[in-house]
């Protein structure tokens, strides 16, 4: 059995080209989370999530916590798209609680699958 893929998690600021204004506030910068999954063969998948406290209640800090807590489960249990579909159906409530965080993880997983 191959070792479970390795997950790296980071955050980075994104300066917006224009100030973004809406009913909840004004934003000149955003903070995003990035996930890299590397398998035993050295193949990598990358994913990005955009946690927005004013949309989903997520922050970069909560996204990193979510990914550290749940990311290993997904990458160790899922080997293909069908496995990902099953995993999603079994974890809907958890995914719904952190959609931007999960987005980064899912995109990295799909990127790794090719």
PDB file of N, CA and C in Angstrom:
ATOM      1  N   UNK A   1       0.838  -1.185   0.000  1.00  0.00           N
ATOM      2  CA  UNK A   1       0.000   0.000   0.000  1.00  0.00           C
ATOM      3  C   UNK A   1       0.881   1.247   0.000  1.00  0.00           C
ATOM      4  N   UNK A   2       0.585   2.161  -0.904  1.00  0.00           N
ATOM      5  CA  UNK A   2       1.357   3.401  -1.015  1.00  0.00           C
ATOM      6  C   UNK A   2       1.060   4.314   0.169  1.00  0.00           C
ATOM      7  N   UNK A   3       2.052   5.106   0.564  1.00  0.00           N
ATOM      8  CA  UNK A   3       1.789   6.044   1.654  1.00  0.00           C
ATOM      9  C   UNK A   3       0.730   7.068   1.249  1.00  0.00           C
ATOM     10  N   UNK A   4       0.019   7.582   2.239  1.00  0.00           N
ATOM     11  CA  UNK A   4      -1.003   8.600   1.969  1.00  0.00           C
ATOM     12  C   UNK A   4      -0.337   9.850   1.396  1.00  0.00           C
ATOM     13  N   UNK A   5      -1.015  10.513   0.479  1.00  0.00           N
ATOM     14  CA  UNK A   5      -0.459  11.762  -0.056  1.00  0.00           C
ATOM     15  C   UNK A   5      -0.203  12.782   1.051  1.00  0.00           C
ATOM     16  N   UNK A   6       0.745  13.650   0.795  1.00  0.00           N
ATOM     17  CA  UNK A   6       1.120  14.713   1.732  1.00  0.00           C
ATOM     18  C   UNK A   6       0.340  15.977   1.374  1.00  0.00           C
ATOM     19  N   UNK A   7      -0.131  16.691   2.395  1.00  0.00           N
ATOM     20  CA  UNK A   7      -0.878  17.929   2.187  1.00  0.00           C
ATOM     21  C   UNK A   7      -0.074  19.099   2.743  1.00  0.00           C
ATOM     22  N   UNK A   8       0.050  20.156   1.941  1.00  0.00           N
ATOM     23  CA  UNK A   8       0.630  21.415   2.410  1.00  0.00           C
ATOM     24  C   UNK A   8      -0.451  22.482   2.297  1.00  0.00           C
ATOM     25  N   UNK A   9      -0.536  23.335   3.297  1.00  0.00           N
ATOM     26  CA  UNK A   9      -1.574  24.364   3.359  1.00  0.00           C
ATOM     27  C   UNK A   9      -0.905  25.708   3.597  1.00  0.00           C
ATOM     28  N   UNK A  10      -1.332  26.707   2.849  1.00  0.00           N
ATOM     29  CA  UNK A  10      -0.805  28.052   3.047  1.00  0.00           C
ATOM     30  C   UNK A  10      -1.884  29.092   2.829  1.00  0.00           C
ATOM     31  N   UNK A  11      -1.586  30.297   3.236  1.00  0.00           N
ATOM     32  CA  UNK A  11      -2.489  31.418   2.993  1.00  0.00           C
ATOM     33  C   UNK A  11      -1.697  32.523   2.314  1.00  0.00           C
ATOM     34  N   UNK A  12      -2.389  33.368   1.603  1.00  0.00           N
ATOM     35  CA  UNK A  12      -1.718  34.489   0.966  1.00  0.00           C
ATOM     36  C   UNK A  12      -2.703  35.632   0.740  1.00  0.00           C
ATOM     37  N   UNK A  13      -2.198  36.869   0.840  1.00  0.00           N
ATOM     38  CA  UNK A  13      -3.053  38.023   0.587  1.00  0.00           C
ATOM     39  C   UNK A  13      -3.131  38.301  -0.917  1.00  0.00           C
ATOM     40  N   UNK A  14      -4.252  38.822  -1.329  1.00  0.00           N
ATOM     41  CA  UNK A  14      -4.451  39.209  -2.724  1.00  0.00           C
ATOM     42  C   UNK A  14      -4.916  40.661  -2.721  1.00  0.00           C
ATOM     43  N   UNK A  15      -4.092  41.541  -3.261  1.00  0.00           N
ATOM     44  CA  UNK A  15      -4.497  42.938  -3.378  1.00  0.00           C
ATOM     45  C   UNK A  15      -5.444  43.057  -4.563  1.00  0.00           C
ATOM     46  N   UNK A  16      -6.607  43.595  -4.327  1.00  0.00           N
ATOM     47  CA  UNK A  16      -7.590  43.737  -5.397  1.00  0.00           C
ATOM     48  C   UNK A  16      -7.226  44.931  -6.277  1.00  0.00           C
ATOM     49  N   UNK A  17      -7.436  44.788  -7.555  1.00  0.00           N
ATOM     50  CA  UNK A  17      -7.114  45.859  -8.495  1.00  0.00           C
ATOM     51  C   UNK A  17      -7.970  47.093  -8.217  1.00  0.00           C
ATOM     52  N   UNK A  18      -9.207  46.863  -7.818  1.00  0.00           N
ATOM     53  CA  UNK A  18     -10.139  47.946  -7.496  1.00  0.00           C
ATOM     54  C   UNK A  18     -10.764  47.643  -6.139  1.00  0.00           C
ATOM     55  N   UNK A  19     -11.091  48.679  -5.416  1.00  0.00           N
ATOM     56  CA  UNK A  19     -11.794  48.491  -4.147  1.00  0.00           C
ATOM     57  C   UNK A  19     -13.165  47.906  -4.459  1.00  0.00           C
ATOM     58  N   UNK A  20     -13.506  46.856  -3.736  1.00  0.00           N
ATOM     59  CA  UNK A  20     -14.780  46.159  -3.936  1.00  0.00           C
ATOM     60  C   UNK A  20     -15.740  46.618  -2.845  1.00  0.00           C
ATOM     61  N   UNK A  21     -16.848  47.227  -3.258  1.00  0.00           N
ATOM     62  CA  UNK A  21     -17.835  47.738  -2.304  1.00  0.00           C
ATOM     63  C   UNK A  21     -19.137  46.969  -2.445  1.00  0.00           C
ATOM     64  N   UNK A  22     -19.747  46.686  -1.307  1.00  0.00           N
ATOM     65  CA  UNK A  22     -21.066  46.043  -1.293  1.00  0.00           C
ATOM     66  C   UNK A  22     -21.748  46.424   0.014  1.00  0.00           C
ATOM     67  N   UNK A  23     -22.946  45.927   0.215  1.00  0.00           N
ATOM     68  CA  UNK A  23     -23.741  46.329   1.377  1.00  0.00           C
ATOM     69  C   UNK A  23     -23.055  46.023   2.705  1.00  0.00           C
ATOM     70  N   UNK A  24     -22.221  44.982   2.736  1.00  0.00           N
ATOM     71  CA  UNK A  24     -21.576  44.588   3.993  1.00  0.00           C
ATOM     72  C   UNK A  24     -20.259  45.295   4.257  1.00  0.00           C
ATOM     73  N   UNK A  25     -19.739  46.022   3.271  1.00  0.00           N
ATOM     74  CA  UNK A  25     -18.467  46.682   3.514  1.00  0.00           C
ATOM     75  C   UNK A  25     -17.705  47.000   2.254  1.00  0.00           C
ATOM     76  N   UNK A  26     -16.426  47.252   2.462  1.00  0.00           N
ATOM     77  CA  UNK A  26     -15.525  47.656   1.390  1.00  0.00           C
ATOM     78  C   UNK A  26     -14.220  46.880   1.556  1.00  0.00           C
ATOM     79  N   UNK A  27     -13.671  46.392   0.448  1.00  0.00           N
ATOM     80  CA  UNK A  27     -12.483  45.541   0.529  1.00  0.00           C
ATOM     81  C   UNK A  27     -11.467  45.943  -0.539  1.00  0.00           C
ATOM     82  N   UNK A  28     -10.222  46.162  -0.118  1.00  0.00           N
ATOM     83  CA  UNK A  28      -9.132  46.452  -1.036  1.00  0.00           C
ATOM     84  C   UNK A  28      -8.179  45.265  -1.130  1.00  0.00           C
ATOM     85  N   UNK A  29      -8.351  44.303  -0.242  1.00  0.00           N
ATOM     86  CA  UNK A  29      -7.497  43.116  -0.207  1.00  0.00           C
ATOM     87  C   UNK A  29      -8.325  41.923   0.238  1.00  0.00           C
ATOM     88  N   UNK A  30      -7.955  40.766  -0.258  1.00  0.00           N
ATOM     89  CA  UNK A  30      -8.594  39.516   0.153  1.00  0.00           C
ATOM     90  C   UNK A  30      -7.502  38.573   0.648  1.00  0.00           C
ATOM     91  N   UNK A  31      -7.891  37.597   1.420  1.00  0.00           N
ATOM     92  CA  UNK A  31      -6.964  36.563   1.887  1.00  0.00           C
ATOM     93  C   UNK A  31      -7.486  35.218   1.410  1.00  0.00           C
ATOM     94  N   UNK A  32      -6.623  34.446   0.783  1.00  0.00           N
ATOM     95  CA  UNK A  32      -7.009  33.151   0.230  1.00  0.00           C
ATOM     96  C   UNK A  32      -6.175  32.039   0.852  1.00  0.00           C
ATOM     97  N   UNK A  33      -6.654  30.822   0.675  1.00  0.00           N
ATOM     98  CA  UNK A  33      -5.947  29.646   1.169  1.00  0.00           C
ATOM     99  C   UNK A  33      -5.585  28.779  -0.036  1.00  0.00           C
ATOM    100  N   UNK A  34      -4.401  28.193   0.002  1.00  0.00           N
ATOM    101  CA  UNK A  34      -3.957  27.319  -1.081  1.00  0.00           C
ATOM    102  C   UNK A  34      -3.560  25.966  -0.492  1.00  0.00           C
ATOM    103  N   UNK A  35      -3.898  24.919  -1.229  1.00  0.00           N
ATOM    104  CA  UNK A  35      -3.618  23.548  -0.802  1.00  0.00           C
ATOM    105  C   UNK A  35      -2.807  22.860  -1.891  1.00  0.00           C
ATOM    106  N   UNK A  36      -1.771  22.149  -1.492  1.00  0.00           N
ATOM    107  CA  UNK A  36      -1.005  21.314  -2.410  1.00  0.00           C
ATOM    108  C   UNK A  36      -1.043  19.893  -1.858  1.00  0.00           C
ATOM    109  N   UNK A  37      -1.421  18.958  -2.706  1.00  0.00           N
ATOM    110  CA  UNK A  37      -1.401  17.542  -2.349  1.00  0.00           C
ATOM    111  C   UNK A  37      -0.340  16.883  -3.214  1.00  0.00           C
ATOM    112  N   UNK A  38       0.574  16.150  -2.586  1.00  0.00           N
ATOM    113  CA  UNK A  38       1.628  15.448  -3.323  1.00  0.00           C
ATOM    114  C   UNK A  38       1.516  13.957  -3.040  1.00  0.00           C
ATOM    115  N   UNK A  39       1.437  13.161  -4.113  1.00  0.00           N
ATOM    116  CA  UNK A  39       1.306  11.716  -3.919  1.00  0.00           C
ATOM    117  C   UNK A  39       2.682  11.055  -3.818  1.00  0.00           C
ATOM    118  N   UNK A  40       2.693   9.755  -3.648  1.00  0.00           N
ATOM    119  CA  UNK A  40       3.937   8.998  -3.450  1.00  0.00           C
ATOM    120  C   UNK A  40       4.865   9.069  -4.657  1.00  0.00           C
ATOM    121  N   UNK A  41       4.309   9.346  -5.847  1.00  0.00           N
ATOM    122  CA  UNK A  41       5.119   9.454  -7.062  1.00  0.00           C
ATOM    123  C   UNK A  41       5.636  10.865  -7.302  1.00  0.00           C
ATOM    124  N   UNK A  42       5.304  11.792  -6.408  1.00  0.00           N
ATOM    125  CA  UNK A  42       5.744  13.174  -6.567  1.00  0.00           C
ATOM    126  C   UNK A  42       4.817  14.030  -7.408  1.00  0.00           C
ATOM    127  N   UNK A  43       3.691  13.470  -7.848  1.00  0.00           N
ATOM    128  CA  UNK A  43       2.714  14.271  -8.590  1.00  0.00           C
ATOM    129  C   UNK A  43       2.015  15.206  -7.620  1.00  0.00           C
ATOM    130  N   UNK A  44       1.710  16.412  -8.107  1.00  0.00           N
ATOM    131  CA  UNK A  44       1.097  17.418  -7.241  1.00  0.00           C
ATOM    132  C   UNK A  44      -0.214  17.926  -7.816  1.00  0.00           C
ATOM    133  N   UNK A  45      -1.124  18.213  -6.915  1.00  0.00           N
ATOM    134  CA  UNK A  45      -2.373  18.872  -7.263  1.00  0.00           C
ATOM    135  C   UNK A  45      -2.502  20.131  -6.428  1.00  0.00           C
ATOM    136  N   UNK A  46      -2.985  21.199  -7.056  1.00  0.00           N
ATOM    137  CA  UNK A  46      -3.109  22.490  -6.387  1.00  0.00           C
ATOM    138  C   UNK A  46      -4.565  22.927  -6.351  1.00  0.00           C
ATOM    139  N   UNK A  47      -4.959  23.555  -5.257  1.00  0.00           N
ATOM    140  CA  UNK A  47      -6.310  24.090  -5.135  1.00  0.00           C
ATOM    141  C   UNK A  47      -6.310  25.363  -4.313  1.00  0.00           C
ATOM    142  N   UNK A  48      -7.256  26.232  -4.626  1.00  0.00           N
ATOM    143  CA  UNK A  48      -7.374  27.506  -3.922  1.00  0.00           C
ATOM    144  C   UNK A  48      -8.796  27.687  -3.419  1.00  0.00           C
ATOM    145  N   UNK A  49      -8.921  28.239  -2.246  1.00  0.00           N
ATOM    146  CA  UNK A  49     -10.221  28.594  -1.689  1.00  0.00           C
ATOM    147  C   UNK A  49     -10.203  30.048  -1.259  1.00  0.00           C
ATOM    148  N   UNK A  50     -11.348  30.657  -1.310  1.00  0.00           N
ATOM    149  CA  UNK A  50     -11.457  32.080  -0.990  1.00  0.00           C
ATOM    150  C   UNK A  50     -12.422  32.287   0.173  1.00  0.00           C
ATOM    151  N   UNK A  51     -11.981  32.033   1.403  1.00  0.00           N
ATOM    152  CA  UNK A  51     -12.874  32.209   2.547  1.00  0.00           C
ATOM    153  C   UNK A  51     -13.233  33.681   2.728  1.00  0.00           C
ATOM    154  N   UNK A  52     -14.511  33.932   2.895  1.00  0.00           N
ATOM    155  CA  UNK A  52     -14.991  35.296   3.088  1.00  0.00           C
ATOM    156  C   UNK A  52     -15.908  35.324   4.305  1.00  0.00           C
ATOM    157  N   UNK A  53     -15.472  35.976   5.372  1.00  0.00           N
ATOM    158  CA  UNK A  53     -16.289  36.010   6.585  1.00  0.00           C
ATOM    159  C   UNK A  53     -17.684  36.587   6.338  1.00  0.00           C
ATOM    160  N   UNK A  54     -17.780  37.544   5.429  1.00  0.00           N
ATOM    161  CA  UNK A  54     -19.061  38.200   5.169  1.00  0.00           C
ATOM    162  C   UNK A  54     -19.965  37.383   4.246  1.00  0.00           C
ATOM    163  N   UNK A  55     -19.475  36.253   3.722  1.00  0.00           N
ATOM    164  CA  UNK A  55     -20.296  35.386   2.865  1.00  0.00           C
ATOM    165  C   UNK A  55     -20.614  34.073   3.582  1.00  0.00           C
ATOM    166  N   UNK A  56     -19.569  33.348   3.994  1.00  0.00           N
ATOM    167  CA  UNK A  56     -19.768  32.022   4.603  1.00  0.00           C
ATOM    168  C   UNK A  56     -19.387  31.972   6.078  1.00  0.00           C
ATOM    169  N   UNK A  57     -18.799  33.052   6.583  1.00  0.00           N
ATOM    170  CA  UNK A  57     -18.331  33.054   7.966  1.00  0.00           C
ATOM    171  C   UNK A  57     -16.932  32.480   8.119  1.00  0.00           C
ATOM    172  N   UNK A  58     -16.343  32.012   7.025  1.00  0.00           N
ATOM    173  CA  UNK A  58     -15.000  31.430   7.080  1.00  0.00           C
ATOM    174  C   UNK A  58     -13.928  32.518   7.038  1.00  0.00           C
ATOM    175  N   UNK A  59     -12.816  32.234   7.684  1.00  0.00           N
ATOM    176  CA  UNK A  59     -11.622  33.067   7.608  1.00  0.00           C
ATOM    177  C   UNK A  59     -10.473  32.177   7.141  1.00  0.00           C
ATOM    178  N   UNK A  60      -9.347  32.778   6.811  1.00  0.00           N
ATOM    179  CA  UNK A  60      -8.190  31.947   6.448  1.00  0.00           C
ATOM    180  C   UNK A  60      -7.789  31.057   7.617  1.00  0.00           C
ATOM    181  N   UNK A  61      -7.862  31.591   8.819  1.00  0.00           N
ATOM    182  CA  UNK A  61      -7.502  30.791   9.996  1.00  0.00           C
ATOM    183  C   UNK A  61      -8.446  29.603  10.158  1.00  0.00           C
ATOM    184  N   UNK A  62      -9.752  29.826  10.003  1.00  0.00           N
ATOM    185  CA  UNK A  62     -10.691  28.705  10.144  1.00  0.00           C
ATOM    186  C   UNK A  62     -10.524  27.714   8.995  1.00  0.00           C
ATOM    187  N   UNK A  63     -10.160  28.221   7.804  1.00  0.00           N
ATOM    188  CA  UNK A  63      -9.935  27.331   6.665  1.00  0.00           C
ATOM    189  C   UNK A  63      -8.736  26.425   6.915  1.00  0.00           C
ATOM    190  N   UNK A  64      -7.654  26.993   7.419  1.00  0.00           N
ATOM    191  CA  UNK A  64      -6.461  26.194   7.718  1.00  0.00           C
ATOM    192  C   UNK A  64      -6.794  25.143   8.777  1.00  0.00           C
ATOM    193  N   UNK A  65      -7.537  25.525   9.792  1.00  0.00           N
ATOM    194  CA  UNK A  65      -7.944  24.574  10.836  1.00  0.00           C
ATOM    195  C   UNK A  65      -8.780  23.449  10.241  1.00  0.00           C
ATOM    196  N   UNK A  66      -9.757  23.795   9.409  1.00  0.00           N
ATOM    197  CA  UNK A  66     -10.600  22.800   8.744  1.00  0.00           C
ATOM    198  C   UNK A  66      -9.745  21.849   7.907  1.00  0.00           C
ATOM    199  N   UNK A  67      -8.838  22.395   7.119  1.00  0.00           N
ATOM    200  CA  UNK A  67      -8.016  21.574   6.228  1.00  0.00           C
ATOM    201  C   UNK A  67      -7.075  20.663   7.013  1.00  0.00           C
ATOM    202  N   UNK A  68      -6.513  21.154   8.099  1.00  0.00           N
ATOM    203  CA  UNK A  68      -5.646  20.307   8.929  1.00  0.00           C
ATOM    204  C   UNK A  68      -6.442  19.186   9.585  1.00  0.00           C
ATOM    205  N   UNK A  69      -7.681  19.466   9.915  1.00  0.00           N
ATOM    206  CA  UNK A  69      -8.511  18.482  10.611  1.00  0.00           C
ATOM    207  C   UNK A  69      -9.115  17.458   9.652  1.00  0.00           C
ATOM    208  N   UNK A  70      -9.540  17.889   8.456  1.00  0.00           N
ATOM    209  CA  UNK A  70     -10.278  17.007   7.550  1.00  0.00           C
ATOM    210  C   UNK A  70      -9.521  16.606   6.277  1.00  0.00           C
ATOM    211  N   UNK A  71      -8.494  17.339   5.922  1.00  0.00           N
ATOM    212  CA  UNK A  71      -7.805  17.086   4.658  1.00  0.00           C
ATOM    213  C   UNK A  71      -7.200  15.703   4.548  1.00  0.00           C
ATOM    214  N   UNK A  72      -6.559  15.247   5.605  1.00  0.00           N
ATOM    215  CA  UNK A  72      -5.909  13.939   5.562  1.00  0.00           C
ATOM    216  C   UNK A  72      -6.923  12.828   5.344  1.00  0.00           C
ATOM    217  N   UNK A  73      -8.117  12.968   5.942  1.00  0.00           N
ATOM    218  CA  UNK A  73      -9.159  11.950   5.748  1.00  0.00           C
ATOM    219  C   UNK A  73      -9.492  11.794   4.273  1.00  0.00           C
ATOM    220  N   UNK A  74      -9.709  12.923   3.608  1.00  0.00           N
ATOM    221  CA  UNK A  74     -10.080  12.854   2.197  1.00  0.00           C
ATOM    222  C   UNK A  74      -8.961  12.229   1.371  1.00  0.00           C
ATOM    223  N   UNK A  75      -7.746  12.742   1.489  1.00  0.00           N
ATOM    224  CA  UNK A  75      -6.683  12.252   0.608  1.00  0.00           C
ATOM    225  C   UNK A  75      -6.280  10.817   0.903  1.00  0.00           C
ATOM    226  N   UNK A  76      -6.497  10.346   2.116  1.00  0.00           N
ATOM    227  CA  UNK A  76      -6.149   8.956   2.409  1.00  0.00           C
ATOM    228  C   UNK A  76      -7.260   7.990   1.994  1.00  0.00           C
ATOM    229  N   UNK A  77      -8.495   8.482   1.861  1.00  0.00           N
ATOM    230  CA  UNK A  77      -9.626   7.618   1.522  1.00  0.00           C
ATOM    231  C   UNK A  77     -10.007   7.648   0.043  1.00  0.00           C
ATOM    232  N   UNK A  78      -9.600   8.668  -0.687  1.00  0.00           N
ATOM    233  CA  UNK A  78     -10.076   8.875  -2.059  1.00  0.00           C
ATOM    234  C   UNK A  78      -8.942   8.644  -3.051  1.00  0.00           C
ATOM    235  N   UNK A  79      -9.164   7.725  -3.995  1.00  0.00           N
ATOM    236  CA  UNK A  79      -8.158   7.452  -5.021  1.00  0.00           C
ATOM    237  C   UNK A  79      -8.614   7.802  -6.436  1.00  0.00           C
ATOM    238  N   UNK A  80      -9.890   8.122  -6.614  1.00  0.00           N
ATOM    239  CA  UNK A  80     -10.391   8.443  -7.953  1.00  0.00           C
ATOM    240  C   UNK A  80     -11.672   9.263  -7.836  1.00  0.00           C
ATOM    241  N   UNK A  81     -12.210   9.674  -8.991  1.00  0.00           N
ATOM    242  CA  UNK A  81     -13.402  10.534  -9.005  1.00  0.00           C
ATOM    243  C   UNK A  81     -14.607   9.857  -8.363  1.00  0.00           C
ATOM    244  N   UNK A  82     -14.781   8.566  -8.579  1.00  0.00           N
ATOM    245  CA  UNK A  82     -15.905   7.865  -7.949  1.00  0.00           C
ATOM    246  C   UNK A  82     -15.759   7.851  -6.429  1.00  0.00           C
ATOM    247  N   UNK A  83     -14.548   7.662  -5.953  1.00  0.00           N
ATOM    248  CA  UNK A  83     -14.299   7.710  -4.518  1.00  0.00           C
ATOM    249  C   UNK A  83     -14.573   9.099  -3.953  1.00  0.00           C
ATOM    250  N   UNK A  84     -14.245  10.127  -4.734  1.00  0.00           N
ATOM    251  CA  UNK A  84     -14.523  11.492  -4.303  1.00  0.00           C
ATOM    252  C   UNK A  84     -16.029  11.725  -4.208  1.00  0.00           C
ATOM    253  N   UNK A  85     -16.778  11.243  -5.182  1.00  0.00           N
ATOM    254  CA  UNK A  85     -18.243  11.378  -5.129  1.00  0.00           C
ATOM    255  C   UNK A  85     -18.812  10.718  -3.870  1.00  0.00           C
ATOM    256  N   UNK A  86     -18.337   9.523  -3.563  1.00  0.00           N
ATOM    257  CA  UNK A  86     -18.793   8.829  -2.354  1.00  0.00           C
ATOM    258  C   UNK A  86     -18.439   9.628  -1.101  1.00  0.00           C
ATOM    259  N   UNK A  87     -17.197  10.098  -1.051  1.00  0.00           N
ATOM    260  CA  UNK A  87     -16.738  10.856   0.108  1.00  0.00           C
ATOM    261  C   UNK A  87     -17.601  12.100   0.304  1.00  0.00           C
ATOM    262  N   UNK A  88     -17.897  12.791  -0.779  1.00  0.00           N
ATOM    263  CA  UNK A  88     -18.735  13.992  -0.703  1.00  0.00           C
ATOM    264  C   UNK A  88     -20.108  13.647  -0.138  1.00  0.00           C
ATOM    265  N   UNK A  89     -20.731  12.585  -0.656  1.00  0.00           N
ATOM    266  CA  UNK A  89     -22.079  12.234  -0.191  1.00  0.00           C
ATOM    267  C   UNK A  89     -22.086  11.834   1.289  1.00  0.00           C
ATOM    268  N   UNK A  90     -20.977  11.318   1.780  1.00  0.00           N
ATOM    269  CA  UNK A  90     -20.886  10.914   3.187  1.00  0.00           C
ATOM    270  C   UNK A  90     -20.520  12.072   4.125  1.00  0.00           C
ATOM    271  N   UNK A  91     -20.102  13.198   3.557  1.00  0.00           N
ATOM    272  CA  UNK A  91     -19.615  14.311   4.381  1.00  0.00           C
ATOM    273  C   UNK A  91     -20.287  15.643   4.025  1.00  0.00           C
ATOM    274  N   UNK A  92     -21.512  15.606   3.525  1.00  0.00           N
ATOM    275  CA  UNK A  92     -22.177  16.823   3.055  1.00  0.00           C
ATOM    276  C   UNK A  92     -22.282  17.902   4.124  1.00  0.00           C
ATOM    277  N   UNK A  93     -22.677  17.540   5.328  1.00  0.00           N
ATOM    278  CA  UNK A  93     -22.846  18.548   6.383  1.00  0.00           C
ATOM    279  C   UNK A  93     -21.519  19.229   6.705  1.00  0.00           C
ATOM    280  N   UNK A  94     -20.442  18.459   6.762  1.00  0.00           N
ATOM    281  CA  UNK A  94     -19.133  19.025   7.043  1.00  0.00           C
ATOM    282  C   UNK A  94     -18.713  19.970   5.914  1.00  0.00           C
ATOM    283  N   UNK A  95     -18.916  19.556   4.675  1.00  0.00           N
ATOM    284  CA  UNK A  95     -18.569  20.384   3.522  1.00  0.00           C
ATOM    285  C   UNK A  95     -19.382  21.674   3.545  1.00  0.00           C
ATOM    286  N   UNK A  96     -20.674  21.564   3.824  1.00  0.00           N
ATOM    287  CA  UNK A  96     -21.541  22.743   3.862  1.00  0.00           C
ATOM    288  C   UNK A  96     -21.137  23.724   4.955  1.00  0.00           C
ATOM    289  N   UNK A  97     -20.469  23.242   5.988  1.00  0.00           N
ATOM    290  CA  UNK A  97     -20.048  24.125   7.077  1.00  0.00           C
ATOM    291  C   UNK A  97     -18.819  24.955   6.709  1.00  0.00           C
ATOM    292  N   UNK A  98     -18.100  24.569   5.656  1.00  0.00           N
ATOM    293  CA  UNK A  98     -16.863  25.264   5.276  1.00  0.00           C
ATOM    294  C   UNK A  98     -16.647  25.156   3.766  1.00  0.00           C
ATOM    295  N   UNK A  99     -17.526  25.755   2.964  1.00  0.00           N
ATOM    296  CA  UNK A  99     -17.459  25.542   1.518  1.00  0.00           C
ATOM    297  C   UNK A  99     -16.180  26.054   0.854  1.00  0.00           C
ATOM    298  N   UNK A 100     -15.665  27.192   1.267  1.00  0.00           N
ATOM    299  CA  UNK A 100     -14.440  27.700   0.645  1.00  0.00           C
ATOM    300  C   UNK A 100     -13.239  26.836   1.018  1.00  0.00           C
ATOM    301  N   UNK A 101     -13.217  26.369   2.247  1.00  0.00           N
ATOM    302  CA  UNK A 101     -12.135  25.489   2.698  1.00  0.00           C
ATOM    303  C   UNK A 101     -12.158  24.187   1.911  1.00  0.00           C
ATOM    304  N   UNK A 102     -13.343  23.611   1.806  1.00  0.00           N
ATOM    305  CA  UNK A 102     -13.482  22.363   1.062  1.00  0.00           C
ATOM    306  C   UNK A 102     -13.141  22.567  -0.409  1.00  0.00           C
ATOM    307  N   UNK A 103     -13.502  23.715  -0.965  1.00  0.00           N
ATOM    308  CA  UNK A 103     -13.209  24.002  -2.374  1.00  0.00           C
ATOM    309  C   UNK A 103     -11.717  23.841  -2.663  1.00  0.00           C
ATOM    310  N   UNK A 104     -10.875  24.391  -1.803  1.00  0.00           N
ATOM    311  CA  UNK A 104      -9.428  24.283  -2.004  1.00  0.00           C
ATOM    312  C   UNK A 104      -8.980  22.828  -1.998  1.00  0.00           C
ATOM    313  N   UNK A 105      -9.523  22.049  -1.091  1.00  0.00           N
ATOM    314  CA  UNK A 105      -9.170  20.635  -0.977  1.00  0.00           C
ATOM    315  C   UNK A 105      -9.660  19.841  -2.186  1.00  0.00           C
ATOM    316  N   UNK A 106     -10.889  20.087  -2.593  1.00  0.00           N
ATOM    317  CA  UNK A 106     -11.442  19.376  -3.742  1.00  0.00           C
ATOM    318  C   UNK A 106     -10.694  19.727  -5.029  1.00  0.00           C
ATOM    319  N   UNK A 107     -10.398  21.009  -5.237  1.00  0.00           N
ATOM    320  CA  UNK A 107      -9.668  21.404  -6.441  1.00  0.00           C
ATOM    321  C   UNK A 107      -8.287  20.761  -6.489  1.00  0.00           C
ATOM    322  N   UNK A 108      -7.589  20.718  -5.354  1.00  0.00           N
ATOM    323  CA  UNK A 108      -6.272  20.075  -5.319  1.00  0.00           C
ATOM    324  C   UNK A 108      -6.386  18.586  -5.617  1.00  0.00           C
ATOM    325  N   UNK A 109      -7.428  17.957  -5.095  1.00  0.00           N
ATOM    326  CA  UNK A 109      -7.654  16.527  -5.341  1.00  0.00           C
ATOM    327  C   UNK A 109      -7.926  16.276  -6.816  1.00  0.00           C
ATOM    328  N   UNK A 110      -8.802  17.062  -7.402  1.00  0.00           N
ATOM    329  CA  UNK A 110      -9.123  16.898  -8.827  1.00  0.00           C
ATOM    330  C   UNK A 110      -7.911  17.197  -9.706  1.00  0.00           C
ATOM    331  N   UNK A 111      -7.134  18.210  -9.335  1.00  0.00           N
ATOM    332  CA  UNK A 111      -5.927  18.526 -10.092  1.00  0.00           C
ATOM    333  C   UNK A 111      -4.941  17.362 -10.033  1.00  0.00           C
ATOM    334  N   UNK A 112      -4.814  16.742  -8.876  1.00  0.00           N
ATOM    335  CA  UNK A 112      -3.928  15.585  -8.739  1.00  0.00           C
ATOM    336  C   UNK A 112      -4.395  14.427  -9.621  1.00  0.00           C
ATOM    337  N   UNK A 113      -5.711  14.237  -9.706  1.00  0.00           N
ATOM    338  CA  UNK A 113      -6.248  13.164 -10.556  1.00  0.00           C
ATOM    339  C   UNK A 113      -5.970  13.420 -12.035  1.00  0.00           C
ATOM    340  N   UNK A 114      -5.740  14.682 -12.395  1.00  0.00           N
ATOM    341  CA  UNK A 114      -5.462  15.020 -13.798  1.00  0.00           C
ATOM    342  C   UNK A 114      -6.708  15.306 -14.533  1.00  0.00           C
TER     343      UNK A 114
END
